[in-house]
């Protein structure tokens, strides 16, 4: 099996058929569709009972877990995946008809002597329109920490969302930490760790994934997701700062911003624990902020 297309889903029975039909239209045939249902309460399971009985050229495997979040679903899927490549595609989006064919060709062209974790295509609101800034070359070889900083003509060209495809055996070595009571962690935690260990990603401009941000989607949930999952949020921020060789001043700014984000919901003990800061410092930040608000 060359590619595992993996879809974590939660209450998306009303729209996931768009993705299913786009997989049926793929010009590349050597893939499986692996789905982990994150405890849906709609008719998602009934849909997949029907679709697994369809005659398709690809294997469809459906599993269901109690509601645990996307990263837990990814961890499980990495154990289940049979493809050489692991491509996570959201359940409210769909692929262009030649998406997997392009992925196959891109991966085949990677230099074998270099250390790549995978390739990335572009996302678009249609097959011809993307909101991501273009880069000048056909592709870029960068690590996944460079997407925060790399610019061309003064513009960030890797900062937008992308269609990331990883070597399965590499991604399996970078599963997501699980914190009790938390259901969300940005996928960048694993990506940044790969970059810190020297892995490159080859970025392409071609649009292979069509999206529309939904009101019930993770992106629309914004900062609330991070605030509701403080340990995962703190882990991402402190590791990112460490990998980017942040200064002492950068660290103080991070402590302040993180404390402000979480101050309405948590006490200074938990905030300090999540971001790895001295408790007294976080207490001082909270007290100073309270005084300034008066």
C-alpha atoms as a PDB file:
ATOM      1  CA  UNK A   1       0.000   0.000   0.000  1.00  0.00           C
ATOM      2  CA  UNK A   2       1.502   3.327  -1.044  1.00  0.00           C
ATOM      3  CA  UNK A   3      -0.747   5.861   0.691  1.00  0.00           C
ATOM      4  CA  UNK A   4      -2.989   5.799   3.749  1.00  0.00           C
ATOM      5  CA  UNK A   5      -5.537   8.601   3.507  1.00  0.00           C
ATOM      6  CA  UNK A   6      -6.516   9.098   7.119  1.00  0.00           C
ATOM      7  CA  UNK A   7      -9.618  10.984   8.224  1.00  0.00           C
ATOM      8  CA  UNK A   8     -10.492  11.748  11.829  1.00  0.00           C
ATOM      9  CA  UNK A   9     -14.149  12.717  12.054  1.00  0.00           C
ATOM     10  CA  UNK A  10     -16.667  13.928  14.603  1.00  0.00           C
ATOM     11  CA  UNK A  11     -20.332  14.543  13.751  1.00  0.00           C
ATOM     12  CA  UNK A  12     -19.640  15.259  10.087  1.00  0.00           C
ATOM     13  CA  UNK A  13     -22.151  12.905   8.517  1.00  0.00           C
ATOM     14  CA  UNK A  14     -23.720  15.878   6.770  1.00  0.00           C
ATOM     15  CA  UNK A  15     -20.610  16.619   4.697  1.00  0.00           C
ATOM     16  CA  UNK A  16     -18.085  13.753   4.737  1.00  0.00           C
ATOM     17  CA  UNK A  17     -19.597  12.248   1.590  1.00  0.00           C
ATOM     18  CA  UNK A  18     -17.823  14.981  -0.417  1.00  0.00           C
ATOM     19  CA  UNK A  19     -14.504  13.487   0.625  1.00  0.00           C
ATOM     20  CA  UNK A  20     -15.673   9.935  -0.056  1.00  0.00           C
ATOM     21  CA  UNK A  21     -16.747  10.795  -3.603  1.00  0.00           C
ATOM     22  CA  UNK A  22     -13.465  12.610  -4.268  1.00  0.00           C
ATOM     23  CA  UNK A  23     -11.573   9.457  -3.243  1.00  0.00           C
ATOM     24  CA  UNK A  24     -13.675   7.436  -5.675  1.00  0.00           C
ATOM     25  CA  UNK A  25     -12.533   9.822  -8.428  1.00  0.00           C
ATOM     26  CA  UNK A  26      -8.804   9.516  -7.724  1.00  0.00           C
ATOM     27  CA  UNK A  27      -6.615   8.797 -10.738  1.00  0.00           C
ATOM     28  CA  UNK A  28      -4.093   7.029  -8.465  1.00  0.00           C
ATOM     29  CA  UNK A  29      -5.434   3.731  -7.143  1.00  0.00           C
ATOM     30  CA  UNK A  30      -2.913   2.340  -4.663  1.00  0.00           C
ATOM     31  CA  UNK A  31      -4.279   3.736  -1.411  1.00  0.00           C
ATOM     32  CA  UNK A  32      -6.542   2.952   1.519  1.00  0.00           C
ATOM     33  CA  UNK A  33      -9.019   5.154   3.365  1.00  0.00           C
ATOM     34  CA  UNK A  34      -8.657   4.830   7.116  1.00  0.00           C
ATOM     35  CA  UNK A  35     -11.265   6.590   9.268  1.00  0.00           C
ATOM     36  CA  UNK A  36     -11.343   7.069  13.026  1.00  0.00           C
ATOM     37  CA  UNK A  37     -14.677   8.324  14.313  1.00  0.00           C
ATOM     38  CA  UNK A  38     -14.046  10.370  17.461  1.00  0.00           C
ATOM     39  CA  UNK A  39     -17.288   9.392  19.206  1.00  0.00           C
ATOM     40  CA  UNK A  40     -19.826  10.884  16.780  1.00  0.00           C
ATOM     41  CA  UNK A  41     -23.440  11.004  17.936  1.00  0.00           C
ATOM     42  CA  UNK A  42     -24.920  11.573  14.462  1.00  0.00           C
ATOM     43  CA  UNK A  43     -25.367   8.944  11.724  1.00  0.00           C
ATOM     44  CA  UNK A  44     -21.685   8.722  10.769  1.00  0.00           C
ATOM     45  CA  UNK A  45     -21.476   5.053  11.736  1.00  0.00           C
ATOM     46  CA  UNK A  46     -24.496   4.165   9.619  1.00  0.00           C
ATOM     47  CA  UNK A  47     -22.952   5.921   6.621  1.00  0.00           C
ATOM     48  CA  UNK A  48     -19.778   3.881   6.913  1.00  0.00           C
ATOM     49  CA  UNK A  49     -21.709   0.657   7.393  1.00  0.00           C
ATOM     50  CA  UNK A  50     -23.185   1.389   3.967  1.00  0.00           C
ATOM     51  CA  UNK A  51     -19.984   2.587   2.309  1.00  0.00           C
ATOM     52  CA  UNK A  52     -17.853  -0.350   3.470  1.00  0.00           C
ATOM     53  CA  UNK A  53     -20.265  -2.567   1.517  1.00  0.00           C
ATOM     54  CA  UNK A  54     -19.707  -0.546  -1.674  1.00  0.00           C
ATOM     55  CA  UNK A  55     -17.453  -1.939  -4.372  1.00  0.00           C
ATOM     56  CA  UNK A  56     -14.473   0.435  -4.472  1.00  0.00           C
ATOM     57  CA  UNK A  57     -10.959   0.073  -5.854  1.00  0.00           C
ATOM     58  CA  UNK A  58      -9.593   1.159  -2.455  1.00  0.00           C
ATOM     59  CA  UNK A  59      -9.871  -0.388   0.988  1.00  0.00           C
ATOM     60  CA  UNK A  60     -12.069   1.461   3.488  1.00  0.00           C
ATOM     61  CA  UNK A  61     -11.498   0.795   7.182  1.00  0.00           C
ATOM     62  CA  UNK A  62     -13.671   2.481   9.809  1.00  0.00           C
ATOM     63  CA  UNK A  63     -12.994   2.532  13.551  1.00  0.00           C
ATOM     64  CA  UNK A  64     -14.700   4.334  16.401  1.00  0.00           C
ATOM     65  CA  UNK A  65     -13.254   5.629  19.656  1.00  0.00           C
ATOM     66  CA  UNK A  66     -14.717   7.492  22.615  1.00  0.00           C
ATOM     67  CA  UNK A  67     -14.411  11.239  22.170  1.00  0.00           C
ATOM     68  CA  UNK A  68     -10.693  11.848  22.792  1.00  0.00           C
ATOM     69  CA  UNK A  69      -9.645  14.439  20.217  1.00  0.00           C
ATOM     70  CA  UNK A  70      -7.905  14.540  16.856  1.00  0.00           C
ATOM     71  CA  UNK A  71      -4.371  13.839  18.067  1.00  0.00           C
ATOM     72  CA  UNK A  72      -5.446  10.683  19.911  1.00  0.00           C
ATOM     73  CA  UNK A  73      -7.152   9.586  16.694  1.00  0.00           C
ATOM     74  CA  UNK A  74      -3.924  10.234  14.768  1.00  0.00           C
ATOM     75  CA  UNK A  75      -1.916   8.192  17.290  1.00  0.00           C
ATOM     76  CA  UNK A  76      -4.252   5.229  16.850  1.00  0.00           C
ATOM     77  CA  UNK A  77      -4.354   5.597  13.083  1.00  0.00           C
ATOM     78  CA  UNK A  78      -0.564   5.524  12.876  1.00  0.00           C
ATOM     79  CA  UNK A  79      -0.663   2.063  14.455  1.00  0.00           C
ATOM     80  CA  UNK A  80      -3.364   0.936  12.027  1.00  0.00           C
ATOM     81  CA  UNK A  81      -1.996   2.468   8.823  1.00  0.00           C
ATOM     82  CA  UNK A  82      -0.771   0.125   6.088  1.00  0.00           C
ATOM     83  CA  UNK A  83       0.467   2.786   3.651  1.00  0.00           C
ATOM     84  CA  UNK A  84       4.032   3.922   3.177  1.00  0.00           C
ATOM     85  CA  UNK A  85       2.731   7.499   3.263  1.00  0.00           C
ATOM     86  CA  UNK A  86       0.301   8.929   5.830  1.00  0.00           C
ATOM     87  CA  UNK A  87      -1.991  11.724   4.642  1.00  0.00           C
ATOM     88  CA  UNK A  88      -4.428  13.251   7.130  1.00  0.00           C
ATOM     89  CA  UNK A  89      -7.428  14.803   5.351  1.00  0.00           C
ATOM     90  CA  UNK A  90     -10.158  16.551   7.334  1.00  0.00           C
ATOM     91  CA  UNK A  91     -13.700  15.242   7.097  1.00  0.00           C
ATOM     92  CA  UNK A  92     -15.229  18.535   5.957  1.00  0.00           C
ATOM     93  CA  UNK A  93     -12.896  18.928   2.969  1.00  0.00           C
ATOM     94  CA  UNK A  94     -12.152  16.976  -0.211  1.00  0.00           C
ATOM     95  CA  UNK A  95      -9.328  16.274  -2.669  1.00  0.00           C
ATOM     96  CA  UNK A  96      -8.762  17.156  -6.285  1.00  0.00           C
ATOM     97  CA  UNK A  97      -9.074  14.144  -8.579  1.00  0.00           C
ATOM     98  CA  UNK A  98      -5.308  13.958  -9.174  1.00  0.00           C
ATOM     99  CA  UNK A  99      -4.242  14.705  -5.578  1.00  0.00           C
ATOM    100  CA  UNK A 100      -2.889  11.244  -4.760  1.00  0.00           C
ATOM    101  CA  UNK A 101      -1.247  10.896  -8.174  1.00  0.00           C
ATOM    102  CA  UNK A 102       0.666  14.119  -7.527  1.00  0.00           C
ATOM    103  CA  UNK A 103       1.648  12.940  -4.067  1.00  0.00           C
ATOM    104  CA  UNK A 104       2.995   9.702  -5.546  1.00  0.00           C
ATOM    105  CA  UNK A 105       5.036  11.555  -8.175  1.00  0.00           C
ATOM    106  CA  UNK A 106       6.350  14.108  -5.690  1.00  0.00           C
ATOM    107  CA  UNK A 107       7.481  11.468  -3.227  1.00  0.00           C
ATOM    108  CA  UNK A 108       9.127   9.428  -5.995  1.00  0.00           C
ATOM    109  CA  UNK A 109      11.257  12.445  -6.933  1.00  0.00           C
ATOM    110  CA  UNK A 110      12.670  13.065  -3.447  1.00  0.00           C
ATOM    111  CA  UNK A 111      16.455  12.636  -3.268  1.00  0.00           C
ATOM    112  CA  UNK A 112      17.081   9.410  -1.383  1.00  0.00           C
ATOM    113  CA  UNK A 113      20.302  10.681   0.150  1.00  0.00           C
ATOM    114  CA  UNK A 114      18.472  13.501   2.014  1.00  0.00           C
ATOM    115  CA  UNK A 115      16.454  13.291   5.228  1.00  0.00           C
ATOM    116  CA  UNK A 116      12.825  14.008   4.359  1.00  0.00           C
ATOM    117  CA  UNK A 117       9.785  13.389   6.551  1.00  0.00           C
ATOM    118  CA  UNK A 118       7.416  13.933   3.631  1.00  0.00           C
ATOM    119  CA  UNK A 119       5.912  16.334   1.110  1.00  0.00           C
ATOM    120  CA  UNK A 120       3.254  19.032   1.252  1.00  0.00           C
ATOM    121  CA  UNK A 121       0.764  20.256  -1.323  1.00  0.00           C
ATOM    122  CA  UNK A 122      -1.332  23.406  -1.242  1.00  0.00           C
ATOM    123  CA  UNK A 123      -4.853  24.059   0.004  1.00  0.00           C
ATOM    124  CA  UNK A 124      -7.372  26.059  -1.990  1.00  0.00           C
ATOM    125  CA  UNK A 125     -10.887  27.382  -1.727  1.00  0.00           C
ATOM    126  CA  UNK A 126     -11.225  26.042  -5.272  1.00  0.00           C
ATOM    127  CA  UNK A 127      -8.974  24.118  -7.641  1.00  0.00           C
ATOM    128  CA  UNK A 128      -7.577  27.428  -8.936  1.00  0.00           C
ATOM    129  CA  UNK A 129      -7.625  29.765  -5.920  1.00  0.00           C
ATOM    130  CA  UNK A 130      -5.536  29.587  -2.751  1.00  0.00           C
ATOM    131  CA  UNK A 131      -5.248  32.088   0.069  1.00  0.00           C
ATOM    132  CA  UNK A 132      -1.599  31.109   0.614  1.00  0.00           C
ATOM    133  CA  UNK A 133       1.091  33.427  -0.728  1.00  0.00           C
ATOM    134  CA  UNK A 134       3.024  31.857  -3.628  1.00  0.00           C
ATOM    135  CA  UNK A 135       6.749  31.135  -3.610  1.00  0.00           C
ATOM    136  CA  UNK A 136       8.812  31.624  -6.758  1.00  0.00           C
ATOM    137  CA  UNK A 137      10.295  28.164  -7.267  1.00  0.00           C
ATOM    138  CA  UNK A 138       8.513  24.972  -8.275  1.00  0.00           C
ATOM    139  CA  UNK A 139       9.059  23.616  -4.780  1.00  0.00           C
ATOM    140  CA  UNK A 140      10.852  24.457  -1.548  1.00  0.00           C
ATOM    141  CA  UNK A 141      12.838  22.130   0.703  1.00  0.00           C
ATOM    142  CA  UNK A 142      12.465  23.458   4.252  1.00  0.00           C
ATOM    143  CA  UNK A 143      12.083  22.041   7.710  1.00  0.00           C
ATOM    144  CA  UNK A 144       8.749  22.512   9.437  1.00  0.00           C
ATOM    145  CA  UNK A 145      10.082  25.100  11.876  1.00  0.00           C
ATOM    146  CA  UNK A 146      11.000  27.329   8.936  1.00  0.00           C
ATOM    147  CA  UNK A 147       7.331  27.711   8.022  1.00  0.00           C
ATOM    148  CA  UNK A 148       7.106  30.205  10.914  1.00  0.00           C
ATOM    149  CA  UNK A 149       9.848  32.447   9.550  1.00  0.00           C
ATOM    150  CA  UNK A 150      10.608  31.842   5.857  1.00  0.00           C
ATOM    151  CA  UNK A 151       9.694  34.793   3.644  1.00  0.00           C
ATOM    152  CA  UNK A 152       9.978  35.879   0.023  1.00  0.00           C
ATOM    153  CA  UNK A 153       9.650  39.555  -0.877  1.00  0.00           C
ATOM    154  CA  UNK A 154       8.778  40.330   2.715  1.00  0.00           C
ATOM    155  CA  UNK A 155       5.853  37.884   2.793  1.00  0.00           C
ATOM    156  CA  UNK A 156       5.483  34.599   4.630  1.00  0.00           C
ATOM    157  CA  UNK A 157       5.009  31.921   1.986  1.00  0.00           C
ATOM    158  CA  UNK A 158       4.857  28.788   4.144  1.00  0.00           C
ATOM    159  CA  UNK A 159       2.728  30.046   7.018  1.00  0.00           C
ATOM    160  CA  UNK A 160      -0.660  29.028   5.657  1.00  0.00           C
ATOM    161  CA  UNK A 161      -2.304  25.651   6.023  1.00  0.00           C
ATOM    162  CA  UNK A 162      -0.940  22.883   3.795  1.00  0.00           C
ATOM    163  CA  UNK A 163      -1.715  19.320   2.770  1.00  0.00           C
ATOM    164  CA  UNK A 164       0.983  17.497   4.742  1.00  0.00           C
ATOM    165  CA  UNK A 165       1.917  13.941   3.782  1.00  0.00           C
ATOM    166  CA  UNK A 166       4.398  12.094   6.004  1.00  0.00           C
ATOM    167  CA  UNK A 167       6.314   8.881   5.745  1.00  0.00           C
ATOM    168  CA  UNK A 168       4.333   6.630   8.057  1.00  0.00           C
ATOM    169  CA  UNK A 169       7.372   5.093   9.716  1.00  0.00           C
ATOM    170  CA  UNK A 170       8.730   8.572  10.487  1.00  0.00           C
ATOM    171  CA  UNK A 171       5.434   9.892  11.868  1.00  0.00           C
ATOM    172  CA  UNK A 172       5.075   6.816  14.084  1.00  0.00           C
ATOM    173  CA  UNK A 173       8.169   7.977  15.942  1.00  0.00           C
ATOM    174  CA  UNK A 174       6.510  11.316  16.663  1.00  0.00           C
ATOM    175  CA  UNK A 175       3.175  10.512  18.237  1.00  0.00           C
ATOM    176  CA  UNK A 176       1.352  13.066  20.349  1.00  0.00           C
ATOM    177  CA  UNK A 177       1.663  13.228  24.129  1.00  0.00           C
ATOM    178  CA  UNK A 178      -1.666  12.661  25.894  1.00  0.00           C
ATOM    179  CA  UNK A 179      -2.690  14.754  28.887  1.00  0.00           C
ATOM    180  CA  UNK A 180      -5.530  13.623  31.147  1.00  0.00           C
ATOM    181  CA  UNK A 181      -8.666  15.671  30.612  1.00  0.00           C
ATOM    182  CA  UNK A 182      -7.411  17.293  27.392  1.00  0.00           C
ATOM    183  CA  UNK A 183      -8.648  16.574  23.860  1.00  0.00           C
ATOM    184  CA  UNK A 184      -6.731  19.027  21.696  1.00  0.00           C
ATOM    185  CA  UNK A 185      -3.125  19.662  20.792  1.00  0.00           C
ATOM    186  CA  UNK A 186      -1.869  21.389  17.676  1.00  0.00           C
ATOM    187  CA  UNK A 187      -0.334  18.960  15.199  1.00  0.00           C
ATOM    188  CA  UNK A 188       2.652  21.309  15.068  1.00  0.00           C
ATOM    189  CA  UNK A 189       4.008  19.629  18.224  1.00  0.00           C
ATOM    190  CA  UNK A 190       4.987  16.553  16.200  1.00  0.00           C
ATOM    191  CA  UNK A 191       6.012  18.576  13.143  1.00  0.00           C
ATOM    192  CA  UNK A 192       8.362  20.803  15.143  1.00  0.00           C
ATOM    193  CA  UNK A 193       9.987  17.776  16.747  1.00  0.00           C
ATOM    194  CA  UNK A 194      10.657  16.278  13.316  1.00  0.00           C
ATOM    195  CA  UNK A 195      12.249  19.536  12.205  1.00  0.00           C
ATOM    196  CA  UNK A 196      14.399  19.721  15.337  1.00  0.00           C
ATOM    197  CA  UNK A 197      15.692  16.235  14.510  1.00  0.00           C
ATOM    198  CA  UNK A 198      16.799  17.343  11.053  1.00  0.00           C
ATOM    199  CA  UNK A 199      13.910  16.253   8.826  1.00  0.00           C
ATOM    200  CA  UNK A 200      12.986  18.291   5.752  1.00  0.00           C
ATOM    201  CA  UNK A 201       9.621  18.713   4.026  1.00  0.00           C
ATOM    202  CA  UNK A 202       9.285  19.425   0.303  1.00  0.00           C
ATOM    203  CA  UNK A 203       6.577  22.049  -0.310  1.00  0.00           C
ATOM    204  CA  UNK A 204       4.685  22.325  -3.596  1.00  0.00           C
ATOM    205  CA  UNK A 205       2.385  25.093  -4.850  1.00  0.00           C
ATOM    206  CA  UNK A 206      -0.158  22.826  -6.541  1.00  0.00           C
ATOM    207  CA  UNK A 207      -3.620  22.810  -4.974  1.00  0.00           C
ATOM    208  CA  UNK A 208      -4.645  19.261  -4.078  1.00  0.00           C
ATOM    209  CA  UNK A 209      -7.064  19.884  -1.185  1.00  0.00           C
ATOM    210  CA  UNK A 210     -10.249  21.979  -1.317  1.00  0.00           C
ATOM    211  CA  UNK A 211     -11.507  23.435   1.960  1.00  0.00           C
ATOM    212  CA  UNK A 212     -14.113  25.671   3.495  1.00  0.00           C
ATOM    213  CA  UNK A 213     -13.903  26.669   7.125  1.00  0.00           C
ATOM    214  CA  UNK A 214     -17.018  25.448   8.913  1.00  0.00           C
ATOM    215  CA  UNK A 215     -18.580  26.972  12.007  1.00  0.00           C
ATOM    216  CA  UNK A 216     -18.134  23.634  13.807  1.00  0.00           C
ATOM    217  CA  UNK A 217     -14.526  23.198  12.685  1.00  0.00           C
ATOM    218  CA  UNK A 218     -11.358  23.291  14.792  1.00  0.00           C
ATOM    219  CA  UNK A 219     -10.017  26.409  13.053  1.00  0.00           C
ATOM    220  CA  UNK A 220     -13.187  28.378  13.778  1.00  0.00           C
ATOM    221  CA  UNK A 221     -12.876  27.479  17.461  1.00  0.00           C
ATOM    222  CA  UNK A 222      -9.825  29.715  17.619  1.00  0.00           C
ATOM    223  CA  UNK A 223      -8.031  30.434  20.855  1.00  0.00           C
ATOM    224  CA  UNK A 224     -10.681  28.684  22.979  1.00  0.00           C
ATOM    225  CA  UNK A 225      -9.271  25.292  22.009  1.00  0.00           C
ATOM    226  CA  UNK A 226      -5.862  26.252  23.330  1.00  0.00           C
ATOM    227  CA  UNK A 227      -7.231  27.742  26.541  1.00  0.00           C
ATOM    228  CA  UNK A 228      -9.350  24.651  27.212  1.00  0.00           C
ATOM    229  CA  UNK A 229      -6.277  22.423  26.770  1.00  0.00           C
ATOM    230  CA  UNK A 230      -3.533  24.309  28.643  1.00  0.00           C
ATOM    231  CA  UNK A 231      -0.943  21.516  28.949  1.00  0.00           C
ATOM    232  CA  UNK A 232      -0.923  20.806  25.235  1.00  0.00           C
ATOM    233  CA  UNK A 233      -0.891  24.538  24.507  1.00  0.00           C
ATOM    234  CA  UNK A 234       2.011  25.140  26.869  1.00  0.00           C
ATOM    235  CA  UNK A 235       3.990  22.203  25.495  1.00  0.00           C
ATOM    236  CA  UNK A 236       3.740  23.534  21.947  1.00  0.00           C
ATOM    237  CA  UNK A 237       4.787  27.069  22.913  1.00  0.00           C
ATOM    238  CA  UNK A 238       7.745  26.202  25.121  1.00  0.00           C
ATOM    239  CA  UNK A 239       9.112  23.618  22.673  1.00  0.00           C
ATOM    240  CA  UNK A 240       8.718  26.045  19.757  1.00  0.00           C
ATOM    241  CA  UNK A 241      10.631  28.719  21.681  1.00  0.00           C
ATOM    242  CA  UNK A 242      13.370  26.244  22.572  1.00  0.00           C
ATOM    243  CA  UNK A 243      13.779  24.963  19.003  1.00  0.00           C
ATOM    244  CA  UNK A 244      13.951  28.538  17.694  1.00  0.00           C
ATOM    245  CA  UNK A 245      16.637  29.457  20.231  1.00  0.00           C
ATOM    246  CA  UNK A 246      14.497  32.100  21.891  1.00  0.00           C
ATOM    247  CA  UNK A 247      16.204  34.690  24.078  1.00  0.00           C
ATOM    248  CA  UNK A 248      15.524  35.357  27.750  1.00  0.00           C
ATOM    249  CA  UNK A 249      13.361  38.309  26.695  1.00  0.00           C
ATOM    250  CA  UNK A 250      11.431  36.044  24.302  1.00  0.00           C
ATOM    251  CA  UNK A 251      10.812  33.674  27.203  1.00  0.00           C
ATOM    252  CA  UNK A 252       9.475  36.463  29.414  1.00  0.00           C
ATOM    253  CA  UNK A 253       7.159  37.610  26.622  1.00  0.00           C
ATOM    254  CA  UNK A 254       5.926  34.034  26.208  1.00  0.00           C
ATOM    255  CA  UNK A 255       5.238  33.714  29.938  1.00  0.00           C
ATOM    256  CA  UNK A 256       3.298  36.958  29.914  1.00  0.00           C
ATOM    257  CA  UNK A 257       1.200  36.128  26.842  1.00  0.00           C
ATOM    258  CA  UNK A 258       0.451  32.592  28.036  1.00  0.00           C
ATOM    259  CA  UNK A 259      -0.539  33.880  31.478  1.00  0.00           C
ATOM    260  CA  UNK A 260      -2.865  36.482  29.957  1.00  0.00           C
ATOM    261  CA  UNK A 261      -4.484  33.834  27.756  1.00  0.00           C
ATOM    262  CA  UNK A 262      -5.186  31.513  30.688  1.00  0.00           C
ATOM    263  CA  UNK A 263      -5.732  33.983  33.522  1.00  0.00           C
ATOM    264  CA  UNK A 264      -9.542  33.976  33.383  1.00  0.00           C
ATOM    265  CA  UNK A 265      -9.781  30.217  33.819  1.00  0.00           C
ATOM    266  CA  UNK A 266      -6.780  28.894  35.813  1.00  0.00           C
ATOM    267  CA  UNK A 267      -4.735  29.814  38.863  1.00  0.00           C
ATOM    268  CA  UNK A 268      -1.063  30.645  38.774  1.00  0.00           C
ATOM    269  CA  UNK A 269      -0.036  27.176  39.968  1.00  0.00           C
ATOM    270  CA  UNK A 270      -1.449  25.457  36.876  1.00  0.00           C
ATOM    271  CA  UNK A 271      -0.337  28.200  34.489  1.00  0.00           C
ATOM    272  CA  UNK A 272       3.236  27.962  35.758  1.00  0.00           C
ATOM    273  CA  UNK A 273       3.202  24.178  35.496  1.00  0.00           C
ATOM    274  CA  UNK A 274       1.902  24.191  31.913  1.00  0.00           C
ATOM    275  CA  UNK A 275       4.441  26.690  30.577  1.00  0.00           C
ATOM    276  CA  UNK A 276       7.373  25.587  32.747  1.00  0.00           C
ATOM    277  CA  UNK A 277       7.783  28.924  34.525  1.00  0.00           C
ATOM    278  CA  UNK A 278       8.526  29.804  38.184  1.00  0.00           C
ATOM    279  CA  UNK A 279       5.259  30.063  40.109  1.00  0.00           C
ATOM    280  CA  UNK A 280       6.305  33.313  41.761  1.00  0.00           C
ATOM    281  CA  UNK A 281       6.905  34.922  38.366  1.00  0.00           C
ATOM    282  CA  UNK A 282       3.464  33.902  37.084  1.00  0.00           C
ATOM    283  CA  UNK A 283       1.897  35.191  40.309  1.00  0.00           C
ATOM    284  CA  UNK A 284       3.647  38.542  39.844  1.00  0.00           C
ATOM    285  CA  UNK A 285       2.440  38.738  36.224  1.00  0.00           C
ATOM    286  CA  UNK A 286      -1.142  38.069  37.313  1.00  0.00           C
ATOM    287  CA  UNK A 287      -1.018  40.628  40.121  1.00  0.00           C
ATOM    288  CA  UNK A 288       0.605  43.259  37.876  1.00  0.00           C
ATOM    289  CA  UNK A 289      -1.973  42.653  35.162  1.00  0.00           C
ATOM    290  CA  UNK A 290      -4.768  42.972  37.700  1.00  0.00           C
ATOM    291  CA  UNK A 291      -3.412  46.313  38.904  1.00  0.00           C
ATOM    292  CA  UNK A 292      -3.065  47.644  35.365  1.00  0.00           C
ATOM    293  CA  UNK A 293      -6.690  46.762  34.602  1.00  0.00           C
ATOM    294  CA  UNK A 294      -7.966  48.885  37.517  1.00  0.00           C
END
